[in-house]
């Protein structure tokens, strides 16, 4: 297996900002009401806290922390690519009726999300070998 490229910290800053914008631009318009838009908009803040705490506990450097954040927030829009309509419909039903059988994801969406997030996590593990 080839070794991953060494990516400088400033590139990870750029990737983290781009991943955050992509995440917000992808998910916020899908949310059916103000409450859900606020909740999804808080995800990057929660991500920053998670990565900061993880970095402090495991003694990660800035490069590794930014890499984890960028990969995490890139994974979700990629995982739902082509599934916006279904995600929007399920979220509308959830907001209107609460959790029900109608809010469950289709098998195809479950498989896609699982595979893409798994692949992106493997990519992150491979990239972490350069650090």
C-alpha atoms as a PDB file:
ATOM      1  CA  UNK A   1       0.000   0.000   0.000  1.00  0.00           C
ATOM      2  CA  UNK A   2       1.442   3.394  -0.930  1.00  0.00           C
ATOM      3  CA  UNK A   3       2.089   5.856   1.840  1.00  0.00           C
ATOM      4  CA  UNK A   4      -0.284   8.831   1.992  1.00  0.00           C
ATOM      5  CA  UNK A   5       0.910  12.315   1.125  1.00  0.00           C
ATOM      6  CA  UNK A   6       1.964  14.621   3.916  1.00  0.00           C
ATOM      7  CA  UNK A   7      -0.616  17.400   3.928  1.00  0.00           C
ATOM      8  CA  UNK A   8       0.327  20.659   5.692  1.00  0.00           C
ATOM      9  CA  UNK A   9      -1.775  22.148   8.498  1.00  0.00           C
ATOM     10  CA  UNK A  10      -2.915  25.136   6.422  1.00  0.00           C
ATOM     11  CA  UNK A  11      -4.389  22.727   3.860  1.00  0.00           C
ATOM     12  CA  UNK A  12      -6.297  20.973   6.658  1.00  0.00           C
ATOM     13  CA  UNK A  13      -7.634  24.337   7.840  1.00  0.00           C
ATOM     14  CA  UNK A  14      -8.882  24.975   4.307  1.00  0.00           C
ATOM     15  CA  UNK A  15     -10.350  21.465   4.071  1.00  0.00           C
ATOM     16  CA  UNK A  16     -12.088  21.868   7.446  1.00  0.00           C
ATOM     17  CA  UNK A  17     -13.674  25.173   6.451  1.00  0.00           C
ATOM     18  CA  UNK A  18     -14.727  23.768   3.071  1.00  0.00           C
ATOM     19  CA  UNK A  19     -16.163  20.611   4.685  1.00  0.00           C
ATOM     20  CA  UNK A  20     -18.141  22.728   7.175  1.00  0.00           C
ATOM     21  CA  UNK A  21     -19.570  24.891   4.385  1.00  0.00           C
ATOM     22  CA  UNK A  22     -20.414  21.843   2.285  1.00  0.00           C
ATOM     23  CA  UNK A  23     -22.110  20.187   5.268  1.00  0.00           C
ATOM     24  CA  UNK A  24     -24.199  23.268   6.041  1.00  0.00           C
ATOM     25  CA  UNK A  25     -25.070  23.988   2.402  1.00  0.00           C
ATOM     26  CA  UNK A  26     -26.125  20.371   1.926  1.00  0.00           C
ATOM     27  CA  UNK A  27     -28.177  19.775   5.079  1.00  0.00           C
ATOM     28  CA  UNK A  28     -29.649  23.110   6.223  1.00  0.00           C
ATOM     29  CA  UNK A  29     -31.913  23.572   3.162  1.00  0.00           C
ATOM     30  CA  UNK A  30     -33.307  20.053   3.684  1.00  0.00           C
ATOM     31  CA  UNK A  31     -34.565  20.826   7.162  1.00  0.00           C
ATOM     32  CA  UNK A  32     -38.319  21.450   7.357  1.00  0.00           C
ATOM     33  CA  UNK A  33     -38.452  24.089  10.070  1.00  0.00           C
ATOM     34  CA  UNK A  34     -36.398  26.499  12.147  1.00  0.00           C
ATOM     35  CA  UNK A  35     -35.859  24.030  15.009  1.00  0.00           C
ATOM     36  CA  UNK A  36     -34.288  21.433  12.709  1.00  0.00           C
ATOM     37  CA  UNK A  37     -32.199  24.047  10.870  1.00  0.00           C
ATOM     38  CA  UNK A  38     -30.768  25.257  14.180  1.00  0.00           C
ATOM     39  CA  UNK A  39     -30.060  21.686  15.300  1.00  0.00           C
ATOM     40  CA  UNK A  40     -28.223  20.757  12.091  1.00  0.00           C
ATOM     41  CA  UNK A  41     -26.339  24.072  12.187  1.00  0.00           C
ATOM     42  CA  UNK A  42     -24.986  23.180  15.630  1.00  0.00           C
ATOM     43  CA  UNK A  43     -23.384  19.984  14.314  1.00  0.00           C
ATOM     44  CA  UNK A  44     -20.092  21.725  13.363  1.00  0.00           C
ATOM     45  CA  UNK A  45     -19.863  23.238  16.870  1.00  0.00           C
ATOM     46  CA  UNK A  46     -20.384  19.787  18.393  1.00  0.00           C
ATOM     47  CA  UNK A  47     -17.790  18.430  15.941  1.00  0.00           C
ATOM     48  CA  UNK A  48     -15.250  21.037  17.030  1.00  0.00           C
ATOM     49  CA  UNK A  49     -15.833  20.187  20.704  1.00  0.00           C
ATOM     50  CA  UNK A  50     -15.606  16.443  19.999  1.00  0.00           C
ATOM     51  CA  UNK A  51     -12.363  16.795  18.053  1.00  0.00           C
ATOM     52  CA  UNK A  52     -10.858  19.168  20.632  1.00  0.00           C
ATOM     53  CA  UNK A  53     -11.673  16.822  23.532  1.00  0.00           C
ATOM     54  CA  UNK A  54     -10.490  13.800  21.565  1.00  0.00           C
ATOM     55  CA  UNK A  55      -7.266  15.599  20.677  1.00  0.00           C
ATOM     56  CA  UNK A  56      -6.663  16.605  24.289  1.00  0.00           C
ATOM     57  CA  UNK A  57      -7.334  13.107  25.649  1.00  0.00           C
ATOM     58  CA  UNK A  58      -5.312  11.288  23.018  1.00  0.00           C
ATOM     59  CA  UNK A  59      -2.624  13.989  22.635  1.00  0.00           C
ATOM     60  CA  UNK A  60      -3.308  14.598  18.925  1.00  0.00           C
ATOM     61  CA  UNK A  61      -1.677  17.541  17.242  1.00  0.00           C
ATOM     62  CA  UNK A  62      -3.477  20.248  15.290  1.00  0.00           C
ATOM     63  CA  UNK A  63      -2.901  18.467  11.969  1.00  0.00           C
ATOM     64  CA  UNK A  64      -4.520  15.225  13.133  1.00  0.00           C
ATOM     65  CA  UNK A  65      -7.414  17.065  14.794  1.00  0.00           C
ATOM     66  CA  UNK A  66      -8.199  19.136  11.713  1.00  0.00           C
ATOM     67  CA  UNK A  67      -7.937  16.038   9.544  1.00  0.00           C
ATOM     68  CA  UNK A  68     -10.487  14.189  11.728  1.00  0.00           C
ATOM     69  CA  UNK A  69     -12.855  17.155  11.616  1.00  0.00           C
ATOM     70  CA  UNK A  70     -12.576  17.670   7.842  1.00  0.00           C
ATOM     71  CA  UNK A  71     -13.073  13.988   7.075  1.00  0.00           C
ATOM     72  CA  UNK A  72     -16.002  13.676   9.485  1.00  0.00           C
ATOM     73  CA  UNK A  73     -17.862  16.630   7.969  1.00  0.00           C
ATOM     74  CA  UNK A  74     -17.056  15.620   4.413  1.00  0.00           C
ATOM     75  CA  UNK A  75     -18.363  12.087   5.001  1.00  0.00           C
ATOM     76  CA  UNK A  76     -21.956  13.040   5.726  1.00  0.00           C
ATOM     77  CA  UNK A  77     -22.802  15.049   2.595  1.00  0.00           C
ATOM     78  CA  UNK A  78     -21.076  12.391   0.498  1.00  0.00           C
ATOM     79  CA  UNK A  79     -23.036   9.651   2.257  1.00  0.00           C
ATOM     80  CA  UNK A  80     -26.372  11.251   1.386  1.00  0.00           C
ATOM     81  CA  UNK A  81     -25.483  12.245  -2.163  1.00  0.00           C
ATOM     82  CA  UNK A  82     -28.414  11.374  -4.405  1.00  0.00           C
ATOM     83  CA  UNK A  83     -30.660  10.829  -1.362  1.00  0.00           C
ATOM     84  CA  UNK A  84     -31.690  14.424  -0.673  1.00  0.00           C
ATOM     85  CA  UNK A  85     -35.336  13.879  -1.656  1.00  0.00           C
ATOM     86  CA  UNK A  86     -35.744  10.847   0.601  1.00  0.00           C
ATOM     87  CA  UNK A  87     -33.946  12.559   3.475  1.00  0.00           C
ATOM     88  CA  UNK A  88     -36.132  15.660   3.069  1.00  0.00           C
ATOM     89  CA  UNK A  89     -39.339  13.586   2.962  1.00  0.00           C
ATOM     90  CA  UNK A  90     -38.366  11.573   6.037  1.00  0.00           C
ATOM     91  CA  UNK A  91     -37.418  14.741   7.916  1.00  0.00           C
ATOM     92  CA  UNK A  92     -40.749  16.394   7.012  1.00  0.00           C
ATOM     93  CA  UNK A  93     -42.669  13.373   8.332  1.00  0.00           C
ATOM     94  CA  UNK A  94     -40.515  13.322  11.469  1.00  0.00           C
ATOM     95  CA  UNK A  95     -41.187  17.022  12.115  1.00  0.00           C
ATOM     96  CA  UNK A  96     -44.911  16.611  11.468  1.00  0.00           C
ATOM     97  CA  UNK A  97     -45.704  13.250  13.111  1.00  0.00           C
ATOM     98  CA  UNK A  98     -42.731  12.355  15.250  1.00  0.00           C
ATOM     99  CA  UNK A  99     -40.922   9.041  14.941  1.00  0.00           C
ATOM    100  CA  UNK A 100     -42.923   6.459  13.042  1.00  0.00           C
ATOM    101  CA  UNK A 101     -42.500   3.672  10.531  1.00  0.00           C
ATOM    102  CA  UNK A 102     -42.628   6.302   7.785  1.00  0.00           C
ATOM    103  CA  UNK A 103     -39.418   7.932   9.019  1.00  0.00           C
ATOM    104  CA  UNK A 104     -37.283   4.827   8.579  1.00  0.00           C
ATOM    105  CA  UNK A 105     -34.661   5.041   5.850  1.00  0.00           C
ATOM    106  CA  UNK A 106     -34.912   2.770   2.850  1.00  0.00           C
ATOM    107  CA  UNK A 107     -32.540  -0.199   2.739  1.00  0.00           C
ATOM    108  CA  UNK A 108     -30.719   1.406  -0.215  1.00  0.00           C
ATOM    109  CA  UNK A 109     -30.136   4.602   1.771  1.00  0.00           C
ATOM    110  CA  UNK A 110     -28.935   2.645   4.812  1.00  0.00           C
ATOM    111  CA  UNK A 111     -26.467   0.683   2.700  1.00  0.00           C
ATOM    112  CA  UNK A 112     -25.228   3.801   0.895  1.00  0.00           C
ATOM    113  CA  UNK A 113     -24.704   5.800   4.095  1.00  0.00           C
ATOM    114  CA  UNK A 114     -22.944   2.896   5.817  1.00  0.00           C
ATOM    115  CA  UNK A 115     -20.650   2.176   2.874  1.00  0.00           C
ATOM    116  CA  UNK A 116     -19.702   5.794   2.202  1.00  0.00           C
ATOM    117  CA  UNK A 117     -19.020   6.637   5.842  1.00  0.00           C
ATOM    118  CA  UNK A 118     -16.989   3.434   6.158  1.00  0.00           C
ATOM    119  CA  UNK A 119     -14.956   4.241   3.037  1.00  0.00           C
ATOM    120  CA  UNK A 120     -14.339   7.823   4.158  1.00  0.00           C
ATOM    121  CA  UNK A 121     -13.237   6.577   7.597  1.00  0.00           C
ATOM    122  CA  UNK A 122     -10.792   4.181   5.923  1.00  0.00           C
ATOM    123  CA  UNK A 123      -9.487   7.099   3.865  1.00  0.00           C
ATOM    124  CA  UNK A 124      -9.027   9.042   7.103  1.00  0.00           C
ATOM    125  CA  UNK A 125      -7.159   6.140   8.670  1.00  0.00           C
ATOM    126  CA  UNK A 126      -4.915   5.929   5.617  1.00  0.00           C
ATOM    127  CA  UNK A 127      -4.246   9.673   5.688  1.00  0.00           C
ATOM    128  CA  UNK A 128      -3.434   9.506   9.404  1.00  0.00           C
ATOM    129  CA  UNK A 129      -0.525   7.206   8.580  1.00  0.00           C
ATOM    130  CA  UNK A 130       1.302  10.263   7.177  1.00  0.00           C
ATOM    131  CA  UNK A 131       1.189  12.079  10.518  1.00  0.00           C
END
